[in-house]
């Protein structure tokens, strides 16, 4: 949650240095994902200074459909706060292939904090950073004041398929920042191609 702001002049350098290697994702085929949402947490890192003050520390909240709700600062539910430069890597349960338009929707709760997204076909990487590298994530879900989202296209980084999605805080506020939800607040990770196909088979479009 954004409660303070620091001016950083080296954001492009930080993007290049952020977690993992950046390069073409391994195109090795893997089984196709069947769920529109992340099914497991592969790994995570949140700095101790953020863990010491954040009260939204359950990384399992990044799984499944978006369910952020409640009111702040201490009565929200349904998301994990990433802290200062922290990240969570989720497993989509199988690969998603690049299709026309955006492929991934990241749900970031409460405010409009920026985040960065990396993808890979392996939990060990290498991970490819998807542009835009510091994406403000704050489009409201049907006017909902808590649920927000932003979208990413695998093709923008010449990626053909991905299974693991790493969502990293790009707010880059030095911690502690005086909030119980420091950093971007990750609610859910969605494969747009799968979700649209699932709901269209039921006679409706899944996308918000």
Protein backbone atom coordinates (compact mmCIF):
# COMPACT_ATOMS: atom_id res chain seq x y z
CA UNK A 1 0.00 0.00 0.00
CA UNK A 2 1.42 3.40 -0.95
CA UNK A 3 1.69 5.73 2.03
CA UNK A 4 5.03 7.41 1.30
CA UNK A 5 7.15 8.06 -1.79
CA UNK A 6 10.85 8.24 -2.47
CA UNK A 7 12.35 9.67 -5.67
CA UNK A 8 14.61 7.25 -7.48
CA UNK A 9 16.55 8.39 -10.52
CA UNK A 10 17.96 4.97 -11.41
CA UNK A 11 14.77 3.02 -12.04
CA UNK A 12 15.92 1.63 -15.41
CA UNK A 13 19.06 0.31 -13.73
CA UNK A 14 16.99 -1.23 -10.95
CA UNK A 15 14.79 -2.93 -13.53
CA UNK A 16 17.82 -4.50 -15.13
CA UNK A 17 19.21 -5.61 -11.77
CA UNK A 18 15.92 -6.93 -10.33
CA UNK A 19 15.48 -10.59 -9.45
CA UNK A 20 16.70 -13.22 -11.84
CA UNK A 21 18.19 -13.16 -15.28
CA UNK A 22 16.38 -11.49 -18.15
CA UNK A 23 16.35 -13.22 -21.52
CA UNK A 24 14.25 -15.44 -23.78
CA UNK A 25 12.32 -18.02 -21.81
CA UNK A 26 13.12 -21.68 -22.52
CA UNK A 27 10.66 -22.77 -25.25
CA UNK A 28 10.75 -26.44 -24.19
CA UNK A 29 7.18 -27.79 -24.45
CA UNK A 30 5.30 -28.60 -21.25
CA UNK A 31 1.77 -29.66 -20.40
CA UNK A 32 -0.83 -26.94 -20.89
CA UNK A 33 -2.30 -25.26 -17.82
CA UNK A 34 -5.95 -26.07 -17.16
CA UNK A 35 -6.72 -23.55 -14.41
CA UNK A 36 -7.02 -19.84 -15.18
CA UNK A 37 -5.33 -18.98 -11.88
CA UNK A 38 -2.08 -19.79 -10.11
CA UNK A 39 -2.24 -23.13 -8.30
CA UNK A 40 0.88 -23.14 -6.08
CA UNK A 41 3.60 -20.90 -4.68
CA UNK A 42 6.97 -21.95 -6.10
CA UNK A 43 9.10 -19.61 -3.96
CA UNK A 44 9.01 -16.18 -2.38
CA UNK A 45 11.19 -13.54 -0.75
CA UNK A 46 10.03 -10.62 1.38
CA UNK A 47 12.67 -8.58 3.27
CA UNK A 48 12.81 -9.05 7.03
CA UNK A 49 12.17 -5.34 7.60
CA UNK A 50 8.87 -5.63 5.74
CA UNK A 51 7.91 -8.93 7.36
CA UNK A 52 8.46 -7.31 10.73
CA UNK A 53 5.73 -4.73 10.15
CA UNK A 54 3.45 -6.13 7.43
CA UNK A 55 0.38 -8.00 8.66
CA UNK A 56 -0.49 -9.44 5.23
CA UNK A 57 2.27 -12.04 4.95
CA UNK A 58 0.48 -15.19 3.78
CA UNK A 59 1.87 -15.97 0.30
CA UNK A 60 -0.95 -18.49 -0.27
CA UNK A 61 -3.24 -15.49 -0.71
CA UNK A 62 -1.66 -15.06 -4.18
CA UNK A 63 -3.35 -18.27 -5.36
CA UNK A 64 -6.77 -18.78 -6.88
CA UNK A 65 -9.24 -16.17 -8.07
CA UNK A 66 -8.98 -12.53 -6.91
CA UNK A 67 -10.64 -12.15 -3.52
CA UNK A 68 -9.21 -9.00 -1.95
CA UNK A 69 -11.76 -7.32 0.28
CA UNK A 70 -12.20 -5.36 3.48
CA UNK A 71 -10.99 -1.92 4.54
CA UNK A 72 -7.72 -0.50 5.81
CA UNK A 73 -5.33 -0.26 7.12
CA UNK A 74 -5.65 -3.44 9.21
CA UNK A 75 -8.91 -5.07 8.11
CA UNK A 76 -8.19 -6.23 4.56
CA UNK A 77 -8.23 -9.85 3.42
CA UNK A 78 -7.20 -11.82 0.35
CA UNK A 79 -3.73 -10.56 -0.60
CA UNK A 80 -0.04 -10.71 0.34
CA UNK A 81 2.00 -7.52 0.70
CA UNK A 82 5.33 -7.94 -1.11
CA UNK A 83 7.31 -5.43 0.94
CA UNK A 84 10.32 -3.44 -0.27
CA UNK A 85 11.42 -5.15 -3.51
CA UNK A 86 9.93 -8.48 -2.39
CA UNK A 87 8.42 -11.04 -4.73
CA UNK A 88 6.28 -14.16 -4.97
CA UNK A 89 6.71 -16.75 -7.74
CA UNK A 90 3.58 -18.74 -8.56
CA UNK A 91 3.04 -21.90 -10.59
CA UNK A 92 0.21 -21.81 -13.13
CA UNK A 93 0.01 -25.60 -12.98
CA UNK A 94 1.15 -25.94 -16.61
CA UNK A 95 2.31 -23.77 -19.46
CA UNK A 96 0.32 -20.97 -21.05
CA UNK A 97 1.16 -20.08 -24.64
CA UNK A 98 1.36 -16.62 -26.12
CA UNK A 99 -1.86 -15.65 -27.88
CA UNK A 100 -3.03 -12.46 -29.55
CA UNK A 101 -3.23 -9.59 -27.05
CA UNK A 102 -2.35 -9.71 -23.38
CA UNK A 103 -1.74 -13.08 -21.75
CA UNK A 104 -1.45 -12.43 -18.00
CA UNK A 105 -3.52 -10.36 -15.62
CA UNK A 106 -2.04 -9.51 -12.24
CA UNK A 107 -4.43 -8.46 -9.48
CA UNK A 108 -2.92 -5.91 -7.11
CA UNK A 109 -5.16 -4.80 -4.27
CA UNK A 110 -6.12 -1.58 -2.53
CA UNK A 111 -4.05 1.09 -4.30
CA UNK A 112 -2.15 1.42 -7.59
CA UNK A 113 1.38 0.36 -6.64
CA UNK A 114 3.76 -0.48 -9.48
CA UNK A 115 5.07 -4.00 -9.93
CA UNK A 116 7.33 -5.98 -12.26
CA UNK A 117 6.54 -9.38 -13.77
CA UNK A 118 8.96 -12.13 -14.80
CA UNK A 119 8.12 -15.46 -16.45
CA UNK A 120 9.81 -18.81 -17.01
CA UNK A 121 9.03 -22.41 -17.87
CA UNK A 122 11.16 -23.59 -14.93
CA UNK A 123 11.00 -22.67 -11.24
CA UNK A 124 14.77 -22.21 -11.32
CA UNK A 125 14.66 -19.86 -14.34
CA UNK A 126 16.01 -18.15 -16.25
CA UNK A 127 13.26 -15.60 -15.82
CA UNK A 128 12.35 -13.06 -18.48
CA UNK A 129 11.22 -9.57 -17.47
CA UNK A 130 8.06 -8.49 -19.30
CA UNK A 131 7.59 -4.85 -20.29
CA UNK A 132 6.43 -2.42 -19.06
CA UNK A 133 9.09 -2.96 -16.42
CA UNK A 134 7.50 -0.76 -13.73
CA UNK A 135 3.79 -1.15 -14.37
CA UNK A 136 1.40 0.88 -12.25
CA UNK A 137 -1.25 -1.69 -11.39
CA UNK A 138 -4.49 0.06 -10.58
CA UNK A 139 -7.30 -0.54 -13.08
CA UNK A 140 -10.37 -1.20 -11.00
CA UNK A 141 -12.32 -4.42 -11.36
CA UNK A 142 -15.87 -3.31 -12.24
CA UNK A 143 -15.43 -0.22 -10.09
CA UNK A 144 -14.35 -2.24 -7.03
CA UNK A 145 -12.37 0.00 -4.68
CA UNK A 146 -10.19 -2.89 -3.49
CA UNK A 147 -9.60 -5.19 -6.48
CA UNK A 148 -7.24 -3.72 -9.13
CA UNK A 149 -5.36 -5.25 -12.06
CA UNK A 150 -2.82 -4.76 -14.85
CA UNK A 151 -2.00 -6.92 -17.88
CA UNK A 152 1.12 -8.23 -19.63
CA UNK A 153 1.84 -9.71 -23.06
CA UNK A 154 4.34 -12.59 -23.38
CA UNK A 155 5.13 -11.52 -26.94
CA UNK A 156 6.42 -8.17 -25.71
CA UNK A 157 9.55 -10.02 -24.53
CA UNK A 158 9.59 -12.63 -27.32
CA UNK A 159 8.32 -15.31 -24.90
CA UNK A 160 6.33 -18.17 -26.45
CA UNK A 161 5.12 -19.87 -23.29
CA UNK A 162 5.43 -19.63 -19.51
CA UNK A 163 4.50 -21.60 -16.44
CA UNK A 164 6.04 -19.69 -13.53
CA UNK A 165 5.19 -16.05 -12.92
CA UNK A 166 7.24 -13.94 -10.54
CA UNK A 167 5.53 -10.76 -9.33
CA UNK A 168 7.91 -8.29 -7.73
CA UNK A 169 7.27 -5.05 -5.88
CA UNK A 170 8.45 -2.10 -7.99
CA UNK A 171 7.38 0.64 -5.63
CA UNK A 172 10.94 0.71 -4.25
CA UNK A 173 10.22 2.55 -1.02
CA UNK A 174 12.96 2.13 1.59
CA UNK A 175 11.61 0.12 4.49
CA UNK A 176 10.30 0.55 7.03
CA UNK A 177 7.73 2.84 5.47
CA UNK A 178 5.25 3.11 8.33
CA UNK A 179 2.53 0.90 6.88
CA UNK A 180 1.24 -2.58 7.72
CA UNK A 181 0.98 -3.45 4.00
CA UNK A 182 4.27 -2.25 2.59
CA UNK A 183 4.88 -2.74 -1.12
CA UNK A 184 2.58 -3.94 -3.87
CA UNK A 185 -0.29 -6.13 -2.64
CA UNK A 186 -0.59 -9.31 -4.73
CA UNK A 187 -4.11 -10.73 -4.94
CA UNK A 188 -4.03 -13.18 -7.87
CA UNK A 189 -2.35 -14.17 -11.15
CA UNK A 190 -4.62 -15.07 -14.07
CA UNK A 191 -4.03 -16.58 -17.52
CA UNK A 192 -6.38 -14.60 -19.76
CA UNK A 193 -6.44 -17.13 -22.60
CA UNK A 194 -7.50 -20.02 -20.37
CA UNK A 195 -10.09 -18.09 -18.40
CA UNK A 196 -11.75 -16.68 -21.52
CA UNK A 197 -11.96 -20.11 -23.13
CA UNK A 198 -13.42 -21.65 -19.97
CA UNK A 199 -16.18 -19.12 -19.58
CA UNK A 200 -16.98 -18.90 -23.28
CA UNK A 201 -17.75 -22.61 -23.18
CA UNK A 202 -20.35 -21.69 -20.57
CA UNK A 203 -21.77 -18.95 -22.78
CA UNK A 204 -20.10 -16.00 -21.07
CA UNK A 205 -16.85 -14.03 -21.26
CA UNK A 206 -14.74 -14.46 -18.15
CA UNK A 207 -12.78 -11.25 -18.44
CA UNK A 208 -13.75 -8.37 -16.16
